[in-house]
Amino acid sequence: MGHRMTPIVEAESIPVQPLPPGPIYEEAWRATEGKRFSAGIWYFISPMGDRFGRQMNPESVRPEVAVEFLYRIGVKAVSFHYPREFGPDNEEAWRALLTERKMGITSIAADVFSDKVFRFGGPASHMEEIRELSTRLKIEAQLLCAKYGCAFQTDWAGRDGFEGYLLYEPEVQWEWTRQHYVRILRSVEGRVGIAIEFKPYDAPEHAVIKTVEDALAMCEEVESAIRDQIVTEVRQELGPETPTQRFAEEVARRWQPYENRMGVNIEDAHVYLAGRKVSEAVRKCLRRGRLFLRHENDSEGRIDNDLLFGSVHFWDALESSLLLREASWNGVHEPDLFPQRDDPLKAYVACVNAINFFDALAVKLLEGEGPERLQSLRRSKRASELHDLLTRVVAGGVDYPRIDLTVVDRFRREMGIA
């Protein structure tokens, strides 16, 4: 590996077949209206293998069937990885499927972690040729994101990190990652942003970008570095005698496309792996205006098993939903799941329902005794009084837009699949 100067990724794009759109499920469309729901195509089509077995879920479906299901329940966008799920071999097929259904693409994220060539990492690998390959793939994905109108490329550097002792230099890996993001953003002149998906560990014992604080710091450093580059470029082009105001105006003009183009994707299970709270991460990202994407799921915090949203951390799911509602956040909800023992279609519907459920509870909290009562309890720090309010609200029940899970059985019958 070390001697190869032009490493390649061996994976080919998955085959995608034409499929005419069928009837929509109007009751499901009503439940998905008003929020920007998206779905990652990978957990619908994957066999959901792990290190003990390659194929654990026989209920996965073909790619075109997954898109058809999402269309019928009113989901308007899909996310992919490049080049396997979305690449040169199947781009036209995906374009036809989505265009027929008036669906869009949330993100085309470069996969720089699945192929064996990335076993020592991607953008933060100690091998320069692998870092260059990773950046090239990310730029190709970024160009595709620009082509299809994506606001950002979701970025999870799955194998970038370190373990053991005396082998790695975390501060150098951080710098490589920063330079990597700068090049990606500049490749499309800021037309597409980046949503950093942080994670404390897995695959490596220590990831380069572990926490929400790491992700936010990286966002600020990348944008600062680009602004410094622009200042230098303008100074070289206009010369040292340029009037201060003209210089500042030109810098501002060139900088504007890059401002706030770095953001964060909060995946709940990744937060719980670090023993942290999702609501804390949401607060910090909202405060800085950098919450681009929510990967709602759950975990007990020991393994990244991508459980159903709110199935473990009920109160944290409620608080994070309340914060989004208070902030009038209109970003993308894209549950990220690993339904090894479940129907992936039903798991997705259950997460959509959970997102709507917790949002409805948040509305009830704000409209019942009101935001003044919440603020009063937040100031007093009286846990007993707050818990009493929360349990009364939950016990009182709530109406929320819901998709009946039997719609999945109906879809499978109509498509003739098990």
Protein backbone atom coordinates (compact mmCIF):
# COMPACT_ATOMS: atom_id res chain seq x y z
CA MET A 1 0.00 0.00 0.00
CA GLY A 2 2.70 2.43 1.03
CA HIS A 3 4.51 2.26 -2.33
CA ARG A 4 1.42 2.82 -4.52
CA MET A 5 1.35 6.45 -5.66
CA THR A 6 -2.06 6.33 -7.35
CA PRO A 7 -4.40 4.42 -5.00
CA ILE A 8 -7.90 3.70 -6.25
CA VAL A 9 -11.26 2.89 -4.72
CA GLU A 10 -12.45 -0.47 -5.97
CA ALA A 11 -16.20 -0.15 -5.24
CA GLU A 12 -18.54 0.19 -8.21
CA SER A 13 -21.80 2.08 -8.08
CA ILE A 14 -24.78 -0.06 -7.11
CA PRO A 15 -27.17 -0.92 -9.93
CA VAL A 16 -30.40 1.10 -10.03
CA GLN A 17 -33.33 0.05 -12.20
CA PRO A 18 -36.11 2.20 -13.71
CA LEU A 19 -39.38 2.15 -11.79
CA PRO A 20 -42.45 4.24 -12.65
CA PRO A 21 -43.97 6.10 -9.69
CA GLY A 22 -47.05 4.59 -8.11
CA PRO A 23 -49.88 6.10 -6.05
CA ILE A 24 -49.07 8.33 -3.10
CA TYR A 25 -50.38 7.55 0.37
CA GLU A 26 -52.25 10.72 1.20
CA GLU A 27 -52.51 10.00 4.93
CA ALA A 28 -48.72 9.65 5.06
CA TRP A 29 -48.17 12.82 3.02
CA ARG A 30 -50.21 14.74 5.60
CA ALA A 31 -47.86 13.48 8.32
CA THR A 32 -44.72 14.53 6.47
CA GLU A 33 -45.92 18.02 5.54
CA GLY A 34 -44.42 21.01 7.32
CA LYS A 35 -41.01 19.50 8.05
CA ARG A 36 -38.03 18.83 5.83
CA PHE A 37 -37.73 15.05 6.08
CA SER A 38 -34.92 13.23 4.31
CA ALA A 39 -33.60 9.67 4.36
CA GLY A 40 -30.25 8.01 3.92
CA ILE A 41 -30.62 5.40 1.22
CA TRP A 42 -28.02 3.12 2.85
CA TYR A 43 -30.11 1.57 5.63
CA PHE A 44 -32.97 0.66 3.28
CA ILE A 45 -30.75 -1.26 0.88
CA SER A 46 -28.00 -2.59 3.17
CA PRO A 47 -27.90 -6.16 4.47
CA MET A 48 -27.00 -4.60 7.84
CA GLY A 49 -23.99 -6.78 8.46
CA ASP A 50 -21.58 -6.46 11.36
CA ARG A 51 -18.28 -8.02 12.35
CA PHE A 52 -20.06 -11.27 13.20
CA GLY A 53 -21.98 -11.66 9.95
CA ARG A 54 -22.20 -9.99 6.56
CA GLN A 55 -25.96 -10.20 6.04
CA MET A 56 -28.25 -9.82 9.02
CA ASN A 57 -31.43 -8.28 7.59
CA PRO A 58 -33.35 -10.06 4.79
CA GLU A 59 -35.94 -7.24 4.70
CA SER A 60 -33.76 -4.72 2.89
CA VAL A 61 -35.06 -3.56 -0.50
CA ARG A 62 -33.66 -2.58 -3.89
CA PRO A 63 -32.57 1.07 -4.26
CA GLU A 64 -35.37 2.05 -6.62
CA VAL A 65 -37.93 0.43 -4.31
CA ALA A 66 -36.62 2.43 -1.36
CA VAL A 67 -37.05 5.68 -3.30
CA GLU A 68 -40.53 4.67 -4.38
CA PHE A 69 -41.50 4.01 -0.76
CA LEU A 70 -40.17 7.39 0.37
CA TYR A 71 -42.06 9.08 -2.45
CA ARG A 72 -45.32 7.40 -1.53
CA ILE A 73 -45.10 8.58 2.11
CA GLY A 74 -44.17 12.16 1.17
CA VAL A 75 -40.42 12.32 1.86
CA LYS A 76 -38.99 14.87 -0.54
CA ALA A 77 -35.23 14.19 -0.44
CA VAL A 78 -32.65 11.42 -0.20
CA SER A 79 -28.97 11.26 0.83
CA PHE A 80 -26.25 9.12 -0.71
CA HIS A 81 -22.61 8.15 -0.39
CA TYR A 82 -20.27 8.61 -3.35
CA PRO A 83 -19.17 6.70 -5.41
CA ARG A 84 -20.94 3.44 -4.45
CA GLU A 85 -24.53 4.52 -3.76
CA PHE A 86 -24.39 7.46 -6.16
CA GLY A 87 -21.67 7.46 -8.78
CA PRO A 88 -20.83 7.58 -12.47
CA ASP A 89 -22.43 4.20 -13.18
CA ASN A 90 -25.87 5.04 -11.81
CA GLU A 91 -26.17 8.84 -11.80
CA GLU A 92 -28.57 8.95 -14.73
CA ALA A 93 -30.75 6.23 -13.23
CA TRP A 94 -30.99 8.12 -9.94
CA ARG A 95 -31.70 11.36 -11.76
CA ALA A 96 -34.60 9.76 -13.64
CA LEU A 97 -36.09 8.17 -10.52
CA LEU A 98 -35.95 11.38 -8.49
CA THR A 99 -37.06 13.68 -11.30
CA GLU A 100 -40.14 11.56 -12.00
CA ARG A 101 -41.10 11.94 -8.34
CA LYS A 102 -40.10 15.60 -7.96
CA MET A 103 -37.68 14.59 -5.21
CA GLY A 104 -34.34 16.18 -4.42
CA ILE A 105 -31.00 15.25 -2.89
CA THR A 106 -30.00 16.36 0.60
CA SER A 107 -26.36 15.29 0.45
CA ILE A 108 -23.95 13.24 -1.63
CA ALA A 109 -21.25 12.42 0.89
CA ALA A 110 -17.96 10.94 -0.21
CA ASP A 111 -17.33 7.52 1.30
CA VAL A 112 -13.72 7.67 2.45
CA PHE A 113 -14.04 4.92 5.04
CA SER A 114 -15.55 1.73 3.49
CA ASP A 115 -12.91 0.74 0.94
CA LYS A 116 -9.87 -1.15 2.23
CA VAL A 117 -7.61 1.58 0.85
CA PHE A 118 -8.81 3.75 3.77
CA ARG A 119 -7.90 1.32 6.54
CA PHE A 120 -5.45 3.89 7.95
CA GLY A 121 -7.94 6.73 7.57
CA GLY A 122 -8.85 9.17 4.82
CA PRO A 123 -8.33 12.94 5.11
CA ALA A 124 -6.22 12.41 8.26
CA SER A 125 -4.27 9.37 7.09
CA HIS A 126 -0.49 9.42 7.61
CA MET A 127 -0.11 8.57 3.90
CA GLU A 128 -0.15 11.63 1.68
CA GLU A 129 -1.47 9.75 -1.35
CA ILE A 130 -4.49 8.58 0.67
CA ARG A 131 -5.16 12.10 1.91
CA GLU A 132 -5.06 13.31 -1.68
CA LEU A 133 -7.40 10.53 -2.81
CA SER A 134 -9.82 11.44 -0.02
CA THR A 135 -9.79 15.11 -0.95
CA ARG A 136 -10.30 14.29 -4.62
CA LEU A 137 -13.31 12.11 -3.82
CA LYS A 138 -14.74 14.79 -1.50
CA ILE A 139 -14.32 17.43 -4.20
CA GLU A 140 -16.01 15.19 -6.77
CA ALA A 141 -18.88 14.69 -4.33
CA GLN A 142 -18.99 18.42 -3.63
CA LEU A 143 -19.28 19.16 -7.33
CA LEU A 144 -22.16 16.69 -7.57
CA CYS A 145 -23.80 18.37 -4.57
CA ALA A 146 -23.54 21.69 -6.40
CA LYS A 147 -24.94 20.13 -9.56
CA TYR A 148 -28.02 18.85 -7.73
CA GLY A 149 -28.62 21.86 -5.51
CA CYS A 150 -27.54 20.42 -2.17
CA ALA A 151 -26.96 22.92 0.62
CA PHE A 152 -24.13 20.84 2.09
CA GLN A 153 -22.17 17.61 1.96
CA THR A 154 -22.52 15.59 5.14
CA ASP A 155 -19.06 14.58 6.28
CA TRP A 156 -18.25 11.69 8.59
CA ALA A 157 -14.57 10.79 8.55
CA GLY A 158 -15.18 7.27 9.81
CA ARG A 159 -11.64 5.89 10.03
CA ASP A 160 -9.85 9.14 10.76
CA GLY A 161 -8.36 9.02 14.22
CA PHE A 162 -5.76 7.37 16.35
CA GLU A 163 -5.17 4.60 18.87
CA GLY A 164 -2.31 3.17 20.83
CA TYR A 165 0.72 5.21 21.83
CA LEU A 166 3.67 6.84 20.04
CA LEU A 167 2.13 6.20 16.62
CA TYR A 168 -0.02 9.23 15.85
CA GLU A 169 0.06 13.02 16.04
CA PRO A 170 -3.48 14.26 16.73
CA GLU A 171 -2.60 17.92 16.24
CA VAL A 172 -1.14 17.17 12.80
CA GLN A 173 -4.20 15.14 11.85
CA TRP A 174 -6.37 18.09 12.90
CA GLU A 175 -4.39 20.38 10.62
CA TRP A 176 -4.65 17.96 7.68
CA THR A 177 -8.42 17.82 8.22
CA ARG A 178 -8.67 21.61 8.32
CA GLN A 179 -6.73 21.97 5.06
CA HIS A 180 -8.95 19.27 3.53
CA TYR A 181 -12.13 21.22 4.31
CA VAL A 182 -10.65 24.45 3.00
CA ARG A 183 -9.89 22.83 -0.34
CA ILE A 184 -13.35 21.28 -0.60
CA LEU A 185 -15.18 24.54 0.06
CA ARG A 186 -12.99 26.48 -2.32
CA SER A 187 -13.47 23.87 -5.05
CA VAL A 188 -17.07 25.05 -5.47
CA GLU A 189 -16.47 28.67 -4.40
CA GLY A 190 -18.67 28.23 -1.36
CA ARG A 191 -21.78 27.19 -3.29
CA VAL A 192 -22.11 24.05 -1.14
CA GLY A 193 -21.34 23.83 2.56
CA ILE A 194 -20.15 21.00 4.79
CA ALA A 195 -22.04 19.45 7.72
CA ILE A 196 -19.50 17.83 10.05
CA GLU A 197 -20.77 14.62 11.69
CA PHE A 198 -18.68 14.26 14.82
CA LYS A 199 -18.16 10.99 16.70
CA PRO A 200 -15.89 10.16 19.66
CA TYR A 201 -14.68 6.78 18.38
CA ASP A 202 -15.43 3.82 16.08
CA ALA A 203 -13.71 2.83 13.86
CA PRO A 204 -10.56 4.17 15.60
CA GLU A 205 -10.42 4.38 19.38
CA HIS A 206 -10.14 8.18 19.18
CA ALA A 207 -11.62 10.21 16.31
CA VAL A 208 -10.11 13.46 15.08
CA ILE A 209 -13.40 15.34 15.52
CA LYS A 210 -14.89 13.80 18.66
CA THR A 211 -17.43 16.24 20.05
CA VAL A 212 -19.72 19.11 19.16
CA GLU A 213 -17.06 21.46 20.51
CA ASP A 214 -14.50 19.94 18.13
CA ALA A 215 -16.90 20.29 15.22
CA LEU A 216 -17.70 23.93 16.00
CA ALA A 217 -14.02 24.77 16.45
CA MET A 218 -13.22 23.17 13.11
CA CYS A 219 -16.01 25.14 11.44
CA GLU A 220 -14.60 28.42 12.71
CA GLU A 221 -10.99 27.53 11.87
CA VAL A 222 -11.86 26.53 8.30
CA GLU A 223 -13.80 29.70 7.62
CA SER A 224 -11.07 31.81 9.22
CA ALA A 225 -8.45 30.12 7.05
CA ILE A 226 -10.45 30.81 3.89
CA ARG A 227 -10.92 34.44 4.86
CA ASP A 228 -7.17 34.78 5.44
CA GLN A 229 -6.55 33.32 1.99
CA ILE A 230 -8.96 35.80 0.44
CA VAL A 231 -7.29 38.71 2.23
CA THR A 232 -3.91 37.63 0.88
CA GLU A 233 -5.27 37.16 -2.65
CA VAL A 234 -6.94 40.57 -2.70
CA ARG A 235 -3.83 42.26 -1.35
CA GLN A 236 -1.70 40.66 -4.05
CA GLU A 237 -4.15 41.57 -6.82
CA LEU A 238 -4.94 45.14 -5.81
CA GLY A 239 -1.54 46.12 -4.46
CA PRO A 240 -0.49 47.81 -1.22
CA GLU A 241 -1.67 51.30 -2.33
CA THR A 242 -5.34 50.30 -2.59
CA PRO A 243 -7.61 52.52 -0.45
CA THR A 244 -8.71 50.79 2.76
CA GLN A 245 -12.41 50.97 1.97
CA ARG A 246 -12.05 49.47 -1.50
CA PHE A 247 -9.82 46.72 -0.10
CA ALA A 248 -12.37 45.88 2.62
CA GLU A 249 -15.26 45.90 0.16
CA GLU A 250 -13.49 43.51 -2.20
CA VAL A 251 -12.59 41.15 0.64
CA ALA A 252 -16.20 41.21 1.86
CA ARG A 253 -17.51 40.50 -1.64
CA ARG A 254 -15.28 37.48 -2.14
CA TRP A 255 -15.79 36.21 1.41
CA GLN A 256 -19.58 36.37 1.37
CA PRO A 257 -20.17 33.01 -0.41
CA TYR A 258 -18.10 31.20 2.26
CA GLU A 259 -19.63 32.76 5.37
CA ASN A 260 -21.43 30.19 7.56
CA ARG A 261 -20.90 27.42 5.03
CA MET A 262 -19.40 25.16 7.69
CA GLY A 263 -21.95 23.53 9.95
CA VAL A 264 -22.73 20.48 12.06
CA ASN A 265 -24.77 17.31 11.72
CA ILE A 266 -25.79 16.03 15.16
CA GLU A 267 -26.29 12.29 15.22
CA ASP A 268 -27.74 11.41 18.61
CA ALA A 269 -26.04 8.03 19.03
CA HIS A 270 -22.65 9.67 18.51
CA VAL A 271 -23.37 12.09 21.33
CA TYR A 272 -24.37 9.28 23.68
CA LEU A 273 -21.16 7.36 22.93
CA ALA A 274 -19.35 10.24 24.63
CA GLY A 275 -21.71 10.22 27.61
CA ARG A 276 -23.13 13.60 26.61
CA LYS A 277 -26.59 15.07 26.00
CA VAL A 278 -28.01 15.80 22.57
CA SER A 279 -29.84 18.83 23.92
CA GLU A 280 -26.48 20.33 24.91
CA ALA A 281 -25.12 19.83 21.39
CA VAL A 282 -28.28 21.31 19.89
CA ARG A 283 -28.04 24.37 22.13
CA LYS A 284 -24.43 25.04 21.20
CA CYS A 285 -25.01 24.63 17.46
CA LEU A 286 -28.13 26.79 17.46
CA ARG A 287 -26.33 29.51 19.38
CA ARG A 288 -23.69 29.69 16.65
CA GLY A 289 -26.12 29.26 13.78
CA ARG A 290 -24.37 26.09 12.61
CA LEU A 291 -26.97 23.34 12.99
CA PHE A 292 -27.38 22.09 9.42
CA LEU A 293 -28.75 18.58 9.90
CA ARG A 294 -30.25 16.26 12.50
CA HIS A 295 -29.61 12.52 12.35
CA GLU A 296 -32.21 11.57 14.94
CA ASN A 297 -31.67 8.14 16.47
CA ASP A 298 -30.74 6.72 19.88
CA SER A 299 -28.32 4.48 21.74
CA GLU A 300 -27.49 3.41 25.27
CA GLY A 301 -24.07 4.91 24.71
CA ARG A 302 -21.94 1.78 24.47
CA ILE A 303 -22.18 0.92 20.77
CA ASP A 304 -23.37 2.91 17.78
CA ASN A 305 -26.42 0.74 17.08
CA ASP A 306 -28.62 3.59 15.73
CA LEU A 307 -31.85 2.80 17.56
CA LEU A 308 -35.22 4.50 17.09
CA PHE A 309 -35.34 8.18 18.05
CA GLY A 310 -36.40 8.69 21.67
CA SER A 311 -36.53 4.97 22.45
CA VAL A 312 -33.84 5.24 25.14
CA HIS A 313 -33.37 8.93 26.03
CA PHE A 314 -36.98 10.10 26.13
CA TRP A 315 -36.44 13.38 28.01
CA ASP A 316 -33.38 14.35 26.00
CA ALA A 317 -35.35 13.78 22.79
CA LEU A 318 -38.06 16.04 24.19
CA GLU A 319 -35.66 18.79 25.21
CA SER A 320 -33.82 18.75 21.88
CA SER A 321 -37.18 18.95 20.06
CA LEU A 322 -38.28 21.81 22.31
CA LEU A 323 -35.10 23.73 21.51
CA LEU A 324 -35.68 23.33 17.77
CA ARG A 325 -39.27 24.49 18.14
CA GLU A 326 -38.26 27.53 20.23
CA ALA A 327 -35.62 28.46 17.67
CA SER A 328 -38.04 27.99 14.72
CA TRP A 329 -35.36 25.75 13.21
CA ASN A 330 -36.19 24.72 9.65
CA GLY A 331 -33.32 22.37 8.94
CA VAL A 332 -33.37 18.78 7.71
CA HIS A 333 -34.55 15.79 9.74
CA GLU A 334 -32.81 12.64 8.48
CA PRO A 335 -33.05 9.73 10.94
CA ASP A 336 -29.98 7.53 10.66
CA LEU A 337 -30.81 3.93 11.56
CA PHE A 338 -29.28 0.46 11.69
CA PRO A 339 -32.32 -1.84 11.77
CA GLN A 340 -30.60 -5.20 11.86
CA ARG A 341 -33.60 -6.90 13.51
CA ASP A 342 -36.38 -4.69 12.18
CA ASP A 343 -38.10 -3.81 8.94
CA PRO A 344 -36.09 -0.80 7.72
CA LEU A 345 -39.20 0.77 6.18
CA LYS A 346 -41.14 0.53 9.44
CA ALA A 347 -38.13 1.76 11.41
CA TYR A 348 -37.99 4.88 9.28
CA VAL A 349 -41.72 5.51 9.64
CA ALA A 350 -41.44 5.02 13.40
CA CYS A 351 -38.72 7.69 13.53
CA VAL A 352 -40.78 10.13 11.46
CA ASN A 353 -43.64 9.55 13.89
CA ALA A 354 -41.35 10.05 16.87
CA ILE A 355 -40.04 13.35 15.48
CA ASN A 356 -43.61 14.57 15.06
CA PHE A 357 -44.59 13.25 18.50
CA PHE A 358 -41.82 15.04 20.39
CA ASP A 359 -42.40 18.21 18.39
CA ALA A 360 -46.08 18.10 19.32
CA LEU A 361 -45.16 17.65 22.98
CA ALA A 362 -42.87 20.68 22.67
CA VAL A 363 -45.73 22.73 21.24
CA LYS A 364 -47.99 21.61 24.10
CA LEU A 365 -45.37 22.68 26.63
CA LEU A 366 -45.14 26.11 25.04
CA GLU A 367 -48.86 26.58 24.57
CA GLY A 368 -50.10 25.02 27.81
CA GLU A 369 -48.73 26.78 30.86
CA GLY A 370 -46.60 28.69 28.42
CA PRO A 371 -42.98 29.70 27.81
CA GLU A 372 -43.11 31.97 30.88
CA ARG A 373 -43.64 28.94 33.11
CA LEU A 374 -40.77 27.12 31.41
CA GLN A 375 -38.47 30.10 31.82
CA SER A 376 -39.43 30.40 35.46
CA LEU A 377 -38.58 26.75 36.09
CA ARG A 378 -35.33 27.09 34.17
CA ARG A 379 -34.35 30.00 36.40
CA SER A 380 -35.36 28.32 39.66
CA LYS A 381 -33.67 25.00 38.82
CA ARG A 382 -36.39 23.16 40.76
CA ALA A 383 -36.19 19.67 39.25
CA SER A 384 -39.26 18.42 41.12
CA GLU A 385 -41.50 21.19 39.77
CA LEU A 386 -40.23 20.76 36.22
CA HIS A 387 -40.67 16.99 36.36
CA ASP A 388 -44.22 17.46 37.60
CA LEU A 389 -45.00 19.74 34.65
CA LEU A 390 -43.44 17.35 32.13
CA THR A 391 -45.20 14.26 33.42
CA ARG A 392 -48.55 16.06 33.47
CA VAL A 393 -48.06 17.16 29.87
CA VAL A 394 -47.09 13.66 28.73
CA ALA A 395 -49.87 12.00 30.74
CA GLY A 396 -52.40 14.36 29.17
CA GLY A 397 -51.64 13.00 25.74
CA VAL A 398 -51.04 14.80 22.50
CA ASP A 399 -52.30 14.73 18.94
CA TYR A 400 -49.58 14.57 16.31
CA PRO A 401 -49.24 13.77 12.60
CA ARG A 402 -48.70 10.03 12.41
CA ILE A 403 -48.20 7.42 9.70
CA ASP A 404 -49.74 4.06 10.53
CA LEU A 405 -47.10 1.36 10.23
CA THR A 406 -49.52 -0.79 8.27
CA VAL A 407 -48.73 1.46 5.29
CA VAL A 408 -45.48 -0.52 5.01
CA ASP A 409 -47.38 -3.81 4.78
CA ARG A 410 -49.58 -2.27 2.12
CA PHE A 411 -46.55 -1.07 0.16
CA ARG A 412 -44.83 -4.45 0.32
CA ARG A 413 -47.98 -6.18 -0.93
CA GLU A 414 -48.39 -3.75 -3.79
CA MET A 415 -44.73 -4.12 -4.79
CA GLY A 416 -44.81 -7.89 -4.45
CA ILE A 417 -41.94 -8.03 -1.95
CA ALA A 418 -41.68 -9.89 1.33
